[in-house]
Amino acid sequence: ARADIASNKLKLATIGNERERLQHDIERLNTEFDQARLEEKLREDHRKQELDALQAIATK
């Protein structure tokens, strides 16, 4: 029984460490996703400005 308890404590510690690692990975990926979304919005805004400028030239 003591061996089972010790084994279960070790498993629990391992699971806790794995959970922390996964949580860290999730936070990192969320940050990367937010950054990529911001960069894509900036590119889209820039494309829209270029398109507006070209349309202004074309309608002169």
PDB file of N, CA and C in Angstrom:
ATOM      1  N   ALA A   1       0.827  -1.205   0.000  1.00  0.00           N
ATOM      2  CA  ALA A   1       0.000   0.000   0.000  1.00  0.00           C
ATOM      3  C   ALA A   1       0.860   1.254   0.000  1.00  0.00           C
ATOM      4  N   ARG A   2       1.958   1.231   0.786  1.00  0.00           N
ATOM      5  CA  ARG A   2       2.845   2.407   0.813  1.00  0.00           C
ATOM      6  C   ARG A   2       3.500   2.636  -0.541  1.00  0.00           C
ATOM      7  N   ALA A   3       3.841   1.544  -1.199  1.00  0.00           N
ATOM      8  CA  ALA A   3       4.431   1.681  -2.535  1.00  0.00           C
ATOM      9  C   ALA A   3       3.426   2.290  -3.502  1.00  0.00           C
ATOM     10  N   ASP A   4       2.168   1.879  -3.374  1.00  0.00           N
ATOM     11  CA  ASP A   4       1.120   2.445  -4.227  1.00  0.00           C
ATOM     12  C   ASP A   4       0.940   3.931  -3.960  1.00  0.00           C
ATOM     13  N   ILE A   5       0.969   4.304  -2.684  1.00  0.00           N
ATOM     14  CA  ILE A   5       0.826   5.717  -2.316  1.00  0.00           C
ATOM     15  C   ILE A   5       1.989   6.517  -2.886  1.00  0.00           C
ATOM     16  N   ALA A   6       3.209   5.998  -2.723  1.00  0.00           N
ATOM     17  CA  ALA A   6       4.386   6.694  -3.248  1.00  0.00           C
ATOM     18  C   ALA A   6       4.307   6.799  -4.773  1.00  0.00           C
ATOM     19  N   SER A   7       3.887   5.726  -5.410  1.00  0.00           N
ATOM     20  CA  SER A   7       3.761   5.732  -6.865  1.00  0.00           C
ATOM     21  C   SER A   7       2.715   6.744  -7.316  1.00  0.00           C
ATOM     22  N   ASN A   8       1.599   6.789  -6.615  1.00  0.00           N
ATOM     23  CA  ASN A   8       0.541   7.740  -6.962  1.00  0.00           C
ATOM     24  C   ASN A   8       0.974   9.178  -6.726  1.00  0.00           C
ATOM     25  N   LYS A   9       1.752   9.423  -5.669  1.00  0.00           N
ATOM     26  CA  LYS A   9       2.265  10.777  -5.424  1.00  0.00           C
ATOM     27  C   LYS A   9       3.201  11.200  -6.550  1.00  0.00           C
ATOM     28  N   LEU A  10       4.038  10.268  -6.998  1.00  0.00           N
ATOM     29  CA  LEU A  10       4.946  10.572  -8.104  1.00  0.00           C
ATOM     30  C   LEU A  10       4.158  10.857  -9.384  1.00  0.00           C
ATOM     31  N   LYS A  11       3.142  10.041  -9.648  1.00  0.00           N
ATOM     32  CA  LYS A  11       2.301  10.263 -10.826  1.00  0.00           C
ATOM     33  C   LYS A  11       1.601  11.616 -10.745  1.00  0.00           C
ATOM     34  N   LEU A  12       1.112  11.958  -9.572  1.00  0.00           N
ATOM     35  CA  LEU A  12       0.428  13.235  -9.385  1.00  0.00           C
ATOM     36  C   LEU A  12       1.381  14.404  -9.623  1.00  0.00           C
ATOM     37  N   ALA A  13       2.602  14.290  -9.109  1.00  0.00           N
ATOM     38  CA  ALA A  13       3.596  15.346  -9.325  1.00  0.00           C
ATOM     39  C   ALA A  13       3.921  15.474 -10.811  1.00  0.00           C
ATOM     40  N   THR A  14       4.050  14.337 -11.481  1.00  0.00           N
ATOM     41  CA  THR A  14       4.336  14.353 -12.917  1.00  0.00           C
ATOM     42  C   THR A  14       3.196  15.007 -13.690  1.00  0.00           C
ATOM     43  N   ILE A  15       1.976  14.656 -13.335  1.00  0.00           N
ATOM     44  CA  ILE A  15       0.805  15.255 -13.990  1.00  0.00           C
ATOM     45  C   ILE A  15       0.764  16.763 -13.732  1.00  0.00           C
ATOM     46  N   GLY A  16       1.072  17.175 -12.507  1.00  0.00           N
ATOM     47  CA  GLY A  16       1.090  18.602 -12.187  1.00  0.00           C
ATOM     48  C   GLY A  16       2.118  19.348 -13.014  1.00  0.00           C
ATOM     49  N   ASN A  17       3.310  18.750 -13.162  1.00  0.00           N
ATOM     50  CA  ASN A  17       4.357  19.383 -13.972  1.00  0.00           C
ATOM     51  C   ASN A  17       3.944  19.473 -15.434  1.00  0.00           C
ATOM     52  N   GLU A  18       3.332  18.406 -15.925  1.00  0.00           N
ATOM     53  CA  GLU A  18       2.862  18.392 -17.309  1.00  0.00           C
ATOM     54  C   GLU A  18       1.776  19.446 -17.516  1.00  0.00           C
ATOM     55  N   ARG A  19       0.901  19.598 -16.556  1.00  0.00           N
ATOM     56  CA  ARG A  19      -0.160  20.605 -16.641  1.00  0.00           C
ATOM     57  C   ARG A  19       0.439  22.010 -16.712  1.00  0.00           C
ATOM     58  N   GLU A  20       1.441  22.273 -15.872  1.00  0.00           N
ATOM     59  CA  GLU A  20       2.099  23.584 -15.895  1.00  0.00           C
ATOM     60  C   GLU A  20       2.762  23.838 -17.242  1.00  0.00           C
ATOM     61  N   ARG A  21       3.418  22.805 -17.784  1.00  0.00           N
ATOM     62  CA  ARG A  21       4.084  22.954 -19.078  1.00  0.00           C
ATOM     63  C   ARG A  21       3.055  23.232 -20.175  1.00  0.00           C
ATOM     64  N   LEU A  22       1.950  22.496 -20.145  1.00  0.00           N
ATOM     65  CA  LEU A  22       0.902  22.714 -21.143  1.00  0.00           C
ATOM     66  C   LEU A  22       0.281  24.098 -21.013  1.00  0.00           C
ATOM     67  N   GLN A  23       0.066  24.540 -19.787  1.00  0.00           N
ATOM     68  CA  GLN A  23      -0.498  25.877 -19.568  1.00  0.00           C
ATOM     69  C   GLN A  23       0.443  26.948 -20.116  1.00  0.00           C
ATOM     70  N   HIS A  24       1.744  26.754 -19.888  1.00  0.00           N
ATOM     71  CA  HIS A  24       2.737  27.691 -20.416  1.00  0.00           C
ATOM     72  C   HIS A  24       2.703  27.690 -21.952  1.00  0.00           C
ATOM     73  N   ASP A  25       2.620  26.496 -22.546  1.00  0.00           N
ATOM     74  CA  ASP A  25       2.546  26.403 -24.002  1.00  0.00           C
ATOM     75  C   ASP A  25       1.296  27.098 -24.532  1.00  0.00           C
ATOM     76  N   ILE A  26       0.172  26.920 -23.868  1.00  0.00           N
ATOM     77  CA  ILE A  26      -1.080  27.562 -24.285  1.00  0.00           C
ATOM     78  C   ILE A  26      -0.941  29.083 -24.228  1.00  0.00           C
ATOM     79  N   GLU A  27      -0.366  29.598 -23.152  1.00  0.00           N
ATOM     80  CA  GLU A  27      -0.183  31.046 -23.024  1.00  0.00           C
ATOM     81  C   GLU A  27       0.738  31.572 -24.116  1.00  0.00           C
ATOM     82  N   ARG A  28       1.821  30.836 -24.406  1.00  0.00           N
ATOM     83  CA  ARG A  28       2.762  31.252 -25.448  1.00  0.00           C
ATOM     84  C   ARG A  28       2.069  31.253 -26.812  1.00  0.00           C
ATOM     85  N   LEU A  29       1.317  30.202 -27.098  1.00  0.00           N
ATOM     86  CA  LEU A  29       0.619  30.126 -28.379  1.00  0.00           C
ATOM     87  C   LEU A  29      -0.448  31.209 -28.512  1.00  0.00           C
ATOM     88  N   ASN A  30      -1.153  31.509 -27.435  1.00  0.00           N
ATOM     89  CA  ASN A  30      -2.143  32.591 -27.471  1.00  0.00           C
ATOM     90  C   ASN A  30      -1.475  33.925 -27.764  1.00  0.00           C
ATOM     91  N   THR A  31      -0.318  34.162 -27.152  1.00  0.00           N
ATOM     92  CA  THR A  31       0.428  35.398 -27.396  1.00  0.00           C
ATOM     93  C   THR A  31       0.874  35.473 -28.852  1.00  0.00           C
ATOM     94  N   GLU A  32       1.406  34.355 -29.368  1.00  0.00           N
ATOM     95  CA  GLU A  32       1.836  34.325 -30.765  1.00  0.00           C
ATOM     96  C   GLU A  32       0.653  34.545 -31.708  1.00  0.00           C
ATOM     97  N   PHE A  33      -0.494  33.951 -31.385  1.00  0.00           N
ATOM     98  CA  PHE A  33      -1.685  34.118 -32.213  1.00  0.00           C
ATOM     99  C   PHE A  33      -2.139  35.575 -32.212  1.00  0.00           C
ATOM    100  N   ASP A  34      -2.162  36.194 -31.035  1.00  0.00           N
ATOM    101  CA  ASP A  34      -2.567  37.600 -30.944  1.00  0.00           C
ATOM    102  C   ASP A  34      -1.627  38.484 -31.758  1.00  0.00           C
ATOM    103  N   GLN A  35      -0.321  38.207 -31.690  1.00  0.00           N
ATOM    104  CA  GLN A  35       0.662  38.983 -32.439  1.00  0.00           C
ATOM    105  C   GLN A  35       0.453  38.799 -33.945  1.00  0.00           C
ATOM    106  N   ALA A  36       0.234  37.570 -34.366  1.00  0.00           N
ATOM    107  CA  ALA A  36       0.008  37.305 -35.789  1.00  0.00           C
ATOM    108  C   ALA A  36      -1.263  37.990 -36.279  1.00  0.00           C
ATOM    109  N   ARG A  37      -2.308  37.972 -35.457  1.00  0.00           N
ATOM    110  CA  ARG A  37      -3.562  38.633 -35.826  1.00  0.00           C
ATOM    111  C   ARG A  37      -3.344  40.142 -35.961  1.00  0.00           C
ATOM    112  N   LEU A  38      -2.584  40.730 -35.055  1.00  0.00           N
ATOM    113  CA  LEU A  38      -2.286  42.160 -35.136  1.00  0.00           C
ATOM    114  C   LEU A  38      -1.483  42.479 -36.399  1.00  0.00           C
ATOM    115  N   GLU A  39      -0.466  41.652 -36.680  1.00  0.00           N
ATOM    116  CA  GLU A  39       0.341  41.881 -37.879  1.00  0.00           C
ATOM    117  C   GLU A  39      -0.510  41.769 -39.141  1.00  0.00           C
ATOM    118  N   GLU A  40      -1.413  40.798 -39.182  1.00  0.00           N
ATOM    119  CA  GLU A  40      -2.286  40.639 -40.345  1.00  0.00           C
ATOM    120  C   GLU A  40      -3.219  41.845 -40.484  1.00  0.00           C
ATOM    121  N   LYS A  41      -3.723  42.371 -39.378  1.00  0.00           N
ATOM    122  CA  LYS A  41      -4.580  43.562 -39.436  1.00  0.00           C
ATOM    123  C   LYS A  41      -3.797  44.754 -39.978  1.00  0.00           C
ATOM    124  N   LEU A  42      -2.553  44.903 -39.543  1.00  0.00           N
ATOM    125  CA  LEU A  42      -1.732  46.006 -40.042  1.00  0.00           C
ATOM    126  C   LEU A  42      -1.490  45.866 -41.544  1.00  0.00           C
ATOM    127  N   ARG A  43      -1.216  44.628 -42.004  1.00  0.00           N
ATOM    128  CA  ARG A  43      -1.029  44.409 -43.444  1.00  0.00           C
ATOM    129  C   ARG A  43      -2.312  44.724 -44.214  1.00  0.00           C
ATOM    130  N   GLU A  44      -3.439  44.295 -43.674  1.00  0.00           N
ATOM    131  CA  GLU A  44      -4.725  44.554 -44.333  1.00  0.00           C
ATOM    132  C   GLU A  44      -5.009  46.059 -44.390  1.00  0.00           C
ATOM    133  N   ASP A  45      -4.734  46.767 -43.300  1.00  0.00           N
ATOM    134  CA  ASP A  45      -4.925  48.222 -43.288  1.00  0.00           C
ATOM    135  C   ASP A  45      -4.032  48.888 -44.333  1.00  0.00           C
ATOM    136  N   HIS A  46      -2.793  48.406 -44.446  1.00  0.00           N
ATOM    137  CA  HIS A  46      -1.861  48.971 -45.421  1.00  0.00           C
ATOM    138  C   HIS A  46      -2.354  48.706 -46.851  1.00  0.00           C
ATOM    139  N   ARG A  47      -2.822  47.480 -47.103  1.00  0.00           N
ATOM    140  CA  ARG A  47      -3.362  47.163 -48.434  1.00  0.00           C
ATOM    141  C   ARG A  47      -4.563  48.048 -48.759  1.00  0.00           C
ATOM    142  N   LYS A  48      -5.405  48.290 -47.768  1.00  0.00           N
ATOM    143  CA  LYS A  48      -6.581  49.135 -48.001  1.00  0.00           C
ATOM    144  C   LYS A  48      -6.154  50.567 -48.328  1.00  0.00           C
ATOM    145  N   GLN A  49      -5.145  51.070 -47.630  1.00  0.00           N
ATOM    146  CA  GLN A  49      -4.651  52.419 -47.919  1.00  0.00           C
ATOM    147  C   GLN A  49      -4.099  52.493 -49.342  1.00  0.00           C
ATOM    148  N   GLU A  50      -3.345  51.467 -49.736  1.00  0.00           N
ATOM    149  CA  GLU A  50      -2.798  51.449 -51.094  1.00  0.00           C
ATOM    150  C   GLU A  50      -3.920  51.392 -52.131  1.00  0.00           C
ATOM    151  N   LEU A  51      -4.923  50.566 -51.877  1.00  0.00           N
ATOM    152  CA  LEU A  51      -6.054  50.462 -52.798  1.00  0.00           C
ATOM    153  C   LEU A  51      -6.801  51.788 -52.889  1.00  0.00           C
ATOM    154  N   ASP A  52      -7.021  52.431 -51.753  1.00  0.00           N
ATOM    155  CA  ASP A  52      -7.701  53.734 -51.753  1.00  0.00           C
ATOM    156  C   ASP A  52      -6.904  54.752 -52.559  1.00  0.00           C
ATOM    157  N   ALA A  53      -5.577  54.732 -52.406  1.00  0.00           N
ATOM    158  CA  ALA A  53      -4.735  55.675 -53.145  1.00  0.00           C
ATOM    159  C   ALA A  53      -4.814  55.398 -54.645  1.00  0.00           C
ATOM    160  N   LEU A  54      -4.773  54.128 -55.024  1.00  0.00           N
ATOM    161  CA  LEU A  54      -4.874  53.787 -56.447  1.00  0.00           C
ATOM    162  C   LEU A  54      -6.237  54.166 -57.016  1.00  0.00           C
ATOM    163  N   GLN A  55      -7.291  53.954 -56.252  1.00  0.00           N
ATOM    164  CA  GLN A  55      -8.628  54.321 -56.720  1.00  0.00           C
ATOM    165  C   GLN A  55      -8.754  55.830 -56.868  1.00  0.00           C
ATOM    166  N   ALA A  56      -8.120  56.573 -55.967  1.00  0.00           N
ATOM    167  CA  ALA A  56      -8.162  58.036 -56.065  1.00  0.00           C
ATOM    168  C   ALA A  56      -7.455  58.503 -57.331  1.00  0.00           C
ATOM    169  N   ILE A  57      -6.338  57.857 -57.656  1.00  0.00           N
ATOM    170  CA  ILE A  57      -5.608  58.210 -58.879  1.00  0.00           C
ATOM    171  C   ILE A  57      -6.442  57.841 -60.113  1.00  0.00           C
ATOM    172  N   ALA A  58      -7.072  56.688 -60.069  1.00  0.00           N
ATOM    173  CA  ALA A  58      -7.837  56.199 -61.223  1.00  0.00           C
ATOM    174  C   ALA A  58      -9.070  57.049 -61.503  1.00  0.00           C
ATOM    175  N   THR A  59      -9.600  57.695 -60.489  1.00  0.00           N
ATOM    176  CA  THR A  59     -10.832  58.472 -60.686  1.00  0.00           C
ATOM    177  C   THR A  59     -10.553  59.935 -60.994  1.00  0.00           C
ATOM    178  N   LYS A  60      -9.281  60.296 -61.100  1.00  0.00           N
ATOM    179  CA  LYS A  60      -8.965  61.699 -61.439  1.00  0.00           C
ATOM    180  C   LYS A  60      -9.262  61.976 -62.893  1.00  0.00           C
TER     181      LYS A  60
END
